[in-house]
C-alpha atoms as a PDB file:
ATOM      1  CA  MET A   1     -23.771 -22.236  15.748  1.00  0.00           C
ATOM      2  CA  SER A   2     -21.823 -24.696  13.609  1.00  0.00           C
ATOM      3  CA  ILE A   3     -19.789 -24.722  10.400  1.00  0.00           C
ATOM      4  CA  ALA A   4     -21.387 -25.783   7.100  1.00  0.00           C
ATOM      5  CA  THR A   5     -19.776 -26.949   3.870  1.00  0.00           C
ATOM      6  CA  PRO A   6     -21.021 -25.813   0.421  1.00  0.00           C
ATOM      7  CA  ILE A   7     -23.518 -27.874  -1.592  1.00  0.00           C
ATOM      8  CA  PRO A   8     -23.601 -29.954  -3.610  1.00  0.00           C
ATOM      9  CA  SER A   9     -21.083 -31.447  -1.246  1.00  0.00           C
ATOM     10  CA  VAL A  10     -19.237 -34.619  -0.493  1.00  0.00           C
ATOM     11  CA  GLU A  11     -18.246 -35.732   2.940  1.00  0.00           C
ATOM     12  CA  PRO A  12     -15.436 -33.508   4.270  1.00  0.00           C
ATOM     13  CA  PRO A  13     -12.068 -35.169   4.889  1.00  0.00           C
ATOM     14  CA  SER A  14     -11.485 -36.865   8.215  1.00  0.00           C
ATOM     15  CA  PRO A  15      -9.761 -34.831  10.950  1.00  0.00           C
ATOM     16  CA  PRO A  16      -7.261 -33.316  10.979  1.00  0.00           C
ATOM     17  CA  ARG A  17      -8.410 -31.518   7.822  1.00  0.00           C
ATOM     18  CA  PRO A  18      -6.021 -29.396   5.739  1.00  0.00           C
ATOM     19  CA  LEU A  19      -6.526 -25.640   5.760  1.00  0.00           C
ATOM     20  CA  SER A  20      -7.411 -24.926   2.148  1.00  0.00           C
ATOM     21  CA  LYS A  21      -7.368 -21.457   0.616  1.00  0.00           C
ATOM     22  CA  ALA A  22     -11.165 -21.464   0.615  1.00  0.00           C
ATOM     23  CA  ALA A  23     -11.277 -22.270   4.337  1.00  0.00           C
ATOM     24  CA  LEU A  24      -8.716 -19.581   5.157  1.00  0.00           C
ATOM     25  CA  ARG A  25     -10.608 -17.007   3.098  1.00  0.00           C
ATOM     26  CA  ARG A  26     -14.036 -17.962   4.404  1.00  0.00           C
ATOM     27  CA  SER A  27     -12.865 -17.841   8.019  1.00  0.00           C
ATOM     28  CA  TRP A  28     -12.460 -14.044   7.802  1.00  0.00           C
ATOM     29  CA  ILE A  29     -16.064 -13.486   6.716  1.00  0.00           C
ATOM     30  CA  GLU A  30     -17.690 -15.780   9.254  1.00  0.00           C
ATOM     31  CA  PRO A  31     -20.084 -13.533  11.262  1.00  0.00           C
ATOM     32  CA  GLN A  32     -18.423 -14.291  14.597  1.00  0.00           C
ATOM     33  CA  VAL A  33     -15.074 -13.138  13.152  1.00  0.00           C
ATOM     34  CA  ARG A  34     -16.339 -10.419  10.840  1.00  0.00           C
ATOM     35  CA  ALA A  35     -18.135  -8.562  13.649  1.00  0.00           C
ATOM     36  CA  TRP A  36     -14.822  -8.002  15.455  1.00  0.00           C
ATOM     37  CA  TRP A  37     -12.793  -6.694  12.531  1.00  0.00           C
ATOM     38  CA  LEU A  38     -15.670  -4.580  11.236  1.00  0.00           C
ATOM     39  CA  CYS A  39     -15.828  -2.842  14.622  1.00  0.00           C
ATOM     40  CA  ALA A  40     -12.054  -2.342  14.466  1.00  0.00           C
ATOM     41  CA  LEU A  41     -12.354  -0.899  10.952  1.00  0.00           C
ATOM     42  CA  LEU A  42     -15.109   1.463  12.082  1.00  0.00           C
ATOM     43  CA  LEU A  43     -12.939   2.687  14.951  1.00  0.00           C
ATOM     44  CA  VAL A  44     -10.022   3.289  12.599  1.00  0.00           C
ATOM     45  CA  ALA A  45     -12.310   5.338  10.322  1.00  0.00           C
ATOM     46  CA  VAL A  46     -13.446   7.407  13.321  1.00  0.00           C
ATOM     47  CA  VAL A  47      -9.810   7.948  14.355  1.00  0.00           C
ATOM     48  CA  VAL A  48      -8.839   9.079  10.851  1.00  0.00           C
ATOM     49  CA  CYS A  49     -11.706  11.609  10.730  1.00  0.00           C
ATOM     50  CA  PHE A  50     -10.888  12.850  14.229  1.00  0.00           C
ATOM     51  CA  CYS A  51      -7.186  13.274  13.393  1.00  0.00           C
ATOM     52  CA  ILE A  52      -7.962  15.135  10.170  1.00  0.00           C
ATOM     53  CA  TYR A  53     -10.194  17.548  12.082  1.00  0.00           C
ATOM     54  CA  GLN A  54      -7.673  18.096  14.887  1.00  0.00           C
ATOM     55  CA  ILE A  55      -4.717  18.568  12.527  1.00  0.00           C
ATOM     56  CA  ALA A  56      -6.698  20.994  10.338  1.00  0.00           C
ATOM     57  CA  ASP A  57      -7.718  22.964  13.449  1.00  0.00           C
ATOM     58  CA  TRP A  58      -4.098  23.016  14.665  1.00  0.00           C
ATOM     59  CA  HIS A  59      -2.825  24.278  11.297  1.00  0.00           C
ATOM     60  CA  ALA A  60      -5.507  26.979  11.291  1.00  0.00           C
ATOM     61  CA  GLN A  61      -4.339  28.116  14.724  1.00  0.00           C
ATOM     62  CA  VAL A  62      -0.694  28.145  13.588  1.00  0.00           C
ATOM     63  CA  ARG A  63      -1.643  30.237  10.554  1.00  0.00           C
ATOM     64  CA  LEU A  64      -3.618  32.627  12.784  1.00  0.00           C
ATOM     65  CA  ILE A  65      -0.631  33.117  15.118  1.00  0.00           C
ATOM     66  CA  ARG A  66       1.702  33.780  12.182  1.00  0.00           C
ATOM     67  CA  THR A  67      -0.516  36.006  10.066  1.00  0.00           C
ATOM     68  CA  GLY A  68      -3.190  37.357  12.473  1.00  0.00           C
ATOM     69  CA  THR A  69      -3.348  40.884  13.819  1.00  0.00           C
ATOM     70  CA  LYS A  70      -2.162  41.228  17.403  1.00  0.00           C
ATOM     71  CA  VAL A  71      -4.568  43.192  19.631  1.00  0.00           C
ATOM     72  CA  ASP A  72      -4.806  43.989  23.320  1.00  0.00           C
ATOM     73  CA  ALA A  73      -7.968  42.456  24.799  1.00  0.00           C
ATOM     74  CA  THR A  74      -9.682  43.208  28.100  1.00  0.00           C
ATOM     75  CA  ILE A  75     -11.151  40.338  30.123  1.00  0.00           C
ATOM     76  CA  ILE A  76     -14.780  41.033  31.049  1.00  0.00           C
ATOM     77  CA  GLY A  77     -15.396  37.970  33.224  1.00  0.00           C
ATOM     78  CA  ASN A  78     -17.268  34.676  33.149  1.00  0.00           C
ATOM     79  CA  THR A  79     -20.394  36.530  31.991  1.00  0.00           C
ATOM     80  CA  PRO A  80     -20.933  39.202  29.344  1.00  0.00           C
ATOM     81  CA  THR A  81     -21.503  41.733  32.157  1.00  0.00           C
ATOM     82  CA  TYR A  82     -18.359  43.715  32.924  1.00  0.00           C
ATOM     83  CA  ASP A  83     -16.841  42.711  36.296  1.00  0.00           C
ATOM     84  CA  ARG A  84     -14.857  45.511  37.972  1.00  0.00           C
ATOM     85  CA  ASN A  85     -13.724  43.529  41.038  1.00  0.00           C
ATOM     86  CA  PHE A  86     -10.637  41.765  39.641  1.00  0.00           C
ATOM     87  CA  THR A  87     -12.380  38.436  40.219  1.00  0.00           C
ATOM     88  CA  ARG A  88     -10.497  35.212  39.623  1.00  0.00           C
ATOM     89  CA  LEU A  89     -12.268  33.474  36.774  1.00  0.00           C
ATOM     90  CA  ASP A  90     -13.639  29.936  36.699  1.00  0.00           C
ATOM     91  CA  PRO A  91     -11.480  28.032  34.163  1.00  0.00           C
ATOM     92  CA  VAL A  92     -14.331  25.644  33.302  1.00  0.00           C
ATOM     93  CA  ARG A  93     -16.756  28.348  32.220  1.00  0.00           C
ATOM     94  CA  PRO A  94     -16.390  30.513  29.108  1.00  0.00           C
ATOM     95  CA  ILE A  95     -14.305  33.672  29.434  1.00  0.00           C
ATOM     96  CA  PHE A  96     -15.691  36.851  27.852  1.00  0.00           C
ATOM     97  CA  LEU A  97     -13.358  39.456  26.390  1.00  0.00           C
ATOM     98  CA  ARG A  98     -13.458  42.521  24.197  1.00  0.00           C
ATOM     99  CA  PHE A  99     -10.936  44.204  21.950  1.00  0.00           C
ATOM    100  CA  THR A 100     -10.770  47.070  19.509  1.00  0.00           C
ATOM    101  CA  LEU A 101      -9.859  46.506  15.872  1.00  0.00           C
ATOM    102  CA  ASP A 102      -9.922  49.273  13.257  1.00  0.00           C
ATOM    103  CA  GLY A 103     -11.808  51.515  15.678  1.00  0.00           C
ATOM    104  CA  GLN A 104     -14.585  48.978  16.358  1.00  0.00           C
ATOM    105  CA  ILE A 105     -15.143  47.085  19.612  1.00  0.00           C
ATOM    106  CA  TYR A 106     -15.645  43.326  19.326  1.00  0.00           C
ATOM    107  CA  PRO A 107     -17.007  41.242  22.231  1.00  0.00           C
ATOM    108  CA  VAL A 108     -15.889  37.593  22.043  1.00  0.00           C
ATOM    109  CA  SER A 109     -15.802  34.541  24.305  1.00  0.00           C
ATOM    110  CA  GLY A 110     -13.573  31.490  24.500  1.00  0.00           C
ATOM    111  CA  LYS A 111     -12.730  28.524  26.667  1.00  0.00           C
ATOM    112  CA  ILE A 112      -9.587  27.048  28.159  1.00  0.00           C
ATOM    113  CA  PRO A 113      -7.713  25.354  26.528  1.00  0.00           C
ATOM    114  CA  ASP A 114      -9.493  25.791  23.167  1.00  0.00           C
ATOM    115  CA  GLN A 115      -8.840  29.474  22.496  1.00  0.00           C
ATOM    116  CA  LEU A 116      -7.057  30.494  25.697  1.00  0.00           C
ATOM    117  CA  PRO A 117      -3.980  28.787  27.174  1.00  0.00           C
ATOM    118  CA  PRO A 118      -3.927  27.756  30.853  1.00  0.00           C
ATOM    119  CA  ARG A 119      -1.689  30.089  32.818  1.00  0.00           C
ATOM    120  CA  LYS A 120      -0.465  31.151  36.248  1.00  0.00           C
ATOM    121  CA  PRO A 121      -1.266  33.619  37.730  1.00  0.00           C
ATOM    122  CA  TRP A 122      -4.826  32.827  36.770  1.00  0.00           C
ATOM    123  CA  TYR A 123      -7.103  34.961  34.624  1.00  0.00           C
ATOM    124  CA  LEU A 124      -8.745  37.897  36.426  1.00  0.00           C
ATOM    125  CA  SER A 125     -11.480  40.202  35.257  1.00  0.00           C
ATOM    126  CA  GLN A 126     -10.117  43.529  33.937  1.00  0.00           C
ATOM    127  CA  ASP A 127      -6.826  41.849  32.976  1.00  0.00           C
ATOM    128  CA  HIS A 128      -5.343  42.697  29.592  1.00  0.00           C
ATOM    129  CA  ILE A 129      -4.062  39.880  27.392  1.00  0.00           C
ATOM    130  CA  PRO A 130      -2.787  39.783  23.793  1.00  0.00           C
ATOM    131  CA  LEU A 131      -4.854  38.036  21.120  1.00  0.00           C
ATOM    132  CA  PHE A 132      -4.176  37.164  17.494  1.00  0.00           C
ATOM    133  CA  VAL A 133      -7.215  38.044  15.395  1.00  0.00           C
ATOM    134  CA  ASP A 134      -8.157  37.283  11.817  1.00  0.00           C
ATOM    135  CA  ARG A 135      -8.761  40.740  10.360  1.00  0.00           C
ATOM    136  CA  ARG A 136     -11.220  39.333   7.807  1.00  0.00           C
ATOM    137  CA  ASP A 137     -13.251  37.677  10.580  1.00  0.00           C
ATOM    138  CA  PRO A 138     -12.583  39.205  14.028  1.00  0.00           C
ATOM    139  CA  ASN A 139     -14.595  36.419  15.671  1.00  0.00           C
ATOM    140  CA  THR A 140     -11.751  34.070  14.698  1.00  0.00           C
ATOM    141  CA  TRP A 141      -8.995  34.549  17.243  1.00  0.00           C
ATOM    142  CA  THR A 142      -6.604  32.788  19.601  1.00  0.00           C
ATOM    143  CA  GLY A 143      -4.982  33.642  22.907  1.00  0.00           C
ATOM    144  CA  TYR A 144      -1.964  31.417  22.185  1.00  0.00           C
ATOM    145  CA  ASP A 145       1.282  33.137  21.222  1.00  0.00           C
ATOM    146  CA  ARG A 146       2.822  29.884  19.985  1.00  0.00           C
ATOM    147  CA  PRO A 147       1.260  26.732  18.534  1.00  0.00           C
ATOM    148  CA  PRO A 148       0.047  24.373  21.271  1.00  0.00           C
ATOM    149  CA  PRO A 149       1.452  20.815  21.225  1.00  0.00           C
ATOM    150  CA  LEU A 150      -0.440  18.614  18.789  1.00  0.00           C
ATOM    151  CA  ALA A 151       0.172  15.294  20.570  1.00  0.00           C
ATOM    152  CA  PRO A 152      -2.131  15.957  23.575  1.00  0.00           C
ATOM    153  CA  GLN A 153      -4.942  16.869  21.182  1.00  0.00           C
ATOM    154  CA  LEU A 154      -4.593  13.436  19.573  1.00  0.00           C
ATOM    155  CA  PHE A 155      -4.588  11.531  22.878  1.00  0.00           C
ATOM    156  CA  VAL A 156      -8.142  10.272  22.327  1.00  0.00           C
ATOM    157  CA  ALA A 157      -7.047   8.952  18.932  1.00  0.00           C
ATOM    158  CA  TYR A 158      -4.296   6.889  20.601  1.00  0.00           C
ATOM    159  CA  ILE A 159      -6.872   5.297  22.898  1.00  0.00           C
ATOM    160  CA  PHE A 160      -9.209   4.426  20.033  1.00  0.00           C
ATOM    161  CA  LEU A 161      -6.338   3.019  17.974  1.00  0.00           C
ATOM    162  CA  ALA A 162      -5.360   0.794  20.902  1.00  0.00           C
ATOM    163  CA  LEU A 163      -8.982  -0.354  21.170  1.00  0.00           C
ATOM    164  CA  ALA A 164      -9.059  -1.054  17.425  1.00  0.00           C
ATOM    165  CA  GLY A 165      -5.923  -3.149  17.827  1.00  0.00           C
ATOM    166  CA  LEU A 166      -7.576  -5.089  20.645  1.00  0.00           C
ATOM    167  CA  LEU A 167     -10.650  -5.767  18.500  1.00  0.00           C
ATOM    168  CA  THR A 168      -8.422  -6.937  15.647  1.00  0.00           C
ATOM    169  CA  PHE A 169      -6.650  -9.279  18.040  1.00  0.00           C
ATOM    170  CA  CYS A 170     -10.023 -10.660  19.169  1.00  0.00           C
ATOM    171  CA  ALA A 171     -10.937 -11.279  15.506  1.00  0.00           C
ATOM    172  CA  TRP A 172      -7.647 -13.117  15.004  1.00  0.00           C
ATOM    173  CA  LEU A 173      -8.228 -15.264  18.089  1.00  0.00           C
ATOM    174  CA  ARG A 174     -11.782 -16.080  17.022  1.00  0.00           C
ATOM    175  CA  ARG A 175     -10.525 -17.006  13.547  1.00  0.00           C
ATOM    176  CA  ARG A 176      -7.916 -19.322  15.042  1.00  0.00           C
ATOM    177  CA  PHE A 177     -10.670 -20.984  17.057  1.00  0.00           C
ATOM    178  CA  LEU A 178     -12.796 -21.494  13.929  1.00  0.00           C
ATOM    179  CA  LEU A 179      -9.889 -22.919  11.947  1.00  0.00           C
ATOM    180  CA  ALA A 180      -9.070 -25.319  14.779  1.00  0.00           C
ATOM    181  CA  TRP A 181     -12.748 -26.256  14.870  1.00  0.00           C
ATOM    182  CA  TRP A 182     -12.660 -26.920  11.108  1.00  0.00           C
ATOM    183  CA  ARG A 183      -9.565 -29.105  11.407  1.00  0.00           C
ATOM    184  CA  SER A 184     -10.729 -31.274  14.287  1.00  0.00           C
ATOM    185  CA  GLY A 185     -14.554 -31.134  14.350  1.00  0.00           C
ATOM    186  CA  GLU A 186     -16.665 -34.169  13.476  1.00  0.00           C
ATOM    187  CA  ALA A 187     -18.541 -33.997  10.173  1.00  0.00           C
ATOM    188  CA  ALA A 188     -22.199 -35.030  10.150  1.00  0.00           C
ATOM    189  CA  PRO A 189     -24.935 -34.835   7.460  1.00  0.00           C
ATOM    190  CA  ALA A 190     -27.898 -32.604   8.281  1.00  0.00           C
ATOM    191  CA  ILE A 191     -31.203 -31.485   6.768  1.00  0.00           C
ATOM    192  CA  VAL A 192     -32.321 -27.847   6.509  1.00  0.00           C
ATOM    193  CA  VAL A 193     -35.597 -27.364   8.380  1.00  0.00           C
ATOM    194  CA  GLU A 194     -35.828 -23.563   8.274  1.00  0.00           C
ATOM    195  CA  SER A 195     -34.289 -20.788   6.182  1.00  0.00           C
ATOM    196  CA  ARG A 196     -34.660 -17.057   6.844  1.00  0.00           C
ATOM    197  CA  GLN A 197     -32.844 -13.790   6.268  1.00  0.00           C
ATOM    198  CA  SER A 198     -29.937 -13.178   8.636  1.00  0.00           C
ATOM    199  CA  GLY A 199     -30.182  -9.958  10.628  1.00  0.00           C
ATOM    200  CA  SER A 200     -26.438  -9.754  11.240  1.00  0.00           C
ATOM    201  CA  SER A 201     -25.519 -10.660   7.640  1.00  0.00           C
ATOM    202  CA  PRO A 202     -27.999  -9.109   5.162  1.00  0.00           C
ATOM    203  CA  ARG A 203     -26.494 -10.975   2.189  1.00  0.00           C
ATOM    204  CA  SER A 204     -26.704 -14.358   3.917  1.00  0.00           C
ATOM    205  CA  ARG A 205     -29.335 -16.801   5.096  1.00  0.00           C
ATOM    206  CA  LEU A 206     -29.721 -18.165   8.611  1.00  0.00           C
ATOM    207  CA  LEU A 207     -30.338 -21.911   8.334  1.00  0.00           C
ATOM    208  CA  ARG A 208     -31.681 -24.180  11.063  1.00  0.00           C
ATOM    209  CA  CYS A 209     -30.635 -27.777  10.574  1.00  0.00           C
ATOM    210  CA  VAL A 210     -31.167 -31.106  12.255  1.00  0.00           C
ATOM    211  CA  LEU A 211     -28.846 -34.096  12.000  1.00  0.00           C
ATOM    212  CA  LYS A 212     -30.086 -36.892   9.729  1.00  0.00           C
ATOM    213  CA  SER A 213     -29.167 -39.515  12.301  1.00  0.00           C
ATOM    214  CA  TYR A 214     -31.666 -38.164  14.859  1.00  0.00           C
ATOM    215  CA  SER A 215     -35.422 -37.777  15.003  1.00  0.00           C
ATOM    216  CA  HIS A 216     -37.333 -34.552  14.389  1.00  0.00           C
ATOM    217  CA  ASN A 217     -37.085 -33.785  18.125  1.00  0.00           C
ATOM    218  CA  ALA A 218     -33.290 -33.629  17.983  1.00  0.00           C
ATOM    219  CA  LYS A 219     -31.180 -30.575  18.696  1.00  0.00           C
ATOM    220  CA  HIS A 220     -31.232 -27.861  16.043  1.00  0.00           C
ATOM    221  CA  TYR A 221     -28.067 -26.214  14.735  1.00  0.00           C
ATOM    222  CA  GLU A 222     -27.867 -22.757  13.168  1.00  0.00           C
ATOM    223  CA  VAL A 223     -25.469 -21.744  10.396  1.00  0.00           C
ATOM    224  CA  ILE A 224     -24.959 -18.613   8.307  1.00  0.00           C
ATOM    225  CA  TYR A 225     -24.862 -19.313   4.572  1.00  0.00           C
ATOM    226  CA  PRO A 226     -24.354 -16.950   1.583  1.00  0.00           C
ATOM    227  CA  SER A 227     -27.721 -16.227  -0.054  1.00  0.00           C
ATOM    228  CA  ALA A 228     -26.469 -17.013  -3.574  1.00  0.00           C
ATOM    229  CA  SER A 229     -25.812 -20.671  -2.775  1.00  0.00           C
ATOM    230  CA  ALA A 230     -27.922 -21.289   0.336  1.00  0.00           C
ATOM    231  CA  PRO A 231     -29.814 -24.617   0.375  1.00  0.00           C
ATOM    232  CA  VAL A 232     -33.576 -24.587   0.761  1.00  0.00           C
ATOM    233  CA  VAL A 233     -35.714 -26.390   3.311  1.00  0.00           C
ATOM    234  CA  GLY A 234     -35.397 -30.148   2.886  1.00  0.00           C
ATOM    235  CA  GLN A 235     -31.977 -30.100   1.268  1.00  0.00           C
ATOM    236  CA  GLU A 236     -28.947 -31.687   2.882  1.00  0.00           C
ATOM    237  CA  LEU A 237     -25.564 -30.308   3.823  1.00  0.00           C
ATOM    238  CA  TRP A 238     -22.603 -31.307   5.933  1.00  0.00           C
ATOM    239  CA  LEU A 239     -22.009 -29.754   9.339  1.00  0.00           C
ATOM    240  CA  ILE A 240     -18.781 -29.584  11.306  1.00  0.00           C
ATOM    241  CA  LEU A 241     -20.012 -29.945  14.878  1.00  0.00           C
ATOM    242  CA  PRO A 242     -18.445 -27.821  17.639  1.00  0.00           C
ATOM    243  CA  ASP A 243     -19.013 -30.328  20.448  1.00  0.00           C
ATOM    244  CA  ALA A 244     -17.387 -33.315  18.771  1.00  0.00           C
END
């Protein structure tokens, strides 16, 4: 890849070139920079959605603890079949319980630590534990007697935010490289020999160019150019060469 200047164009200034507002602005939307910060932006959007879901779920659990009906539930076991042997339950598998509310028996199941808190001594079949139940929907319940800490539930969000920061830093480094390339690269006139739609930039054209000072067998350079002002095959433009 190389850097192209708009057309109709005059020869760019000799190195070191000043960093104009147009160059600073354009550097952020260059595909090799844009890909990094777009990925960072996508991660931030995922983190925001994840945090909203986790915080809403946490508030729902707090509301259930404060306003739910407290019932005494019996642990059935790791299966819906009643286990009468006081078996220690597998914490990875779902735990089945049943409770009575308003004279009706409700079988439910939950997992640790989603609905049931980790505890010692461990859960055994035939144990009795208190639950807070939503009277309007008895299938909505929690085994927590106090709100669980919110921070551990957002741990994944911290990791993704750190990764988003790393991607943003990579975009900044790549932009610095491009600006340094613009300031010190050698300018050379070139002719467009092929123009096609860019897969990575739908609103841009991918141009293949060859330097005017070489024959048709010379090395080809590729540049991304906005579709609205992209030159056509046979037109000239100035390139800032990376290997100068």
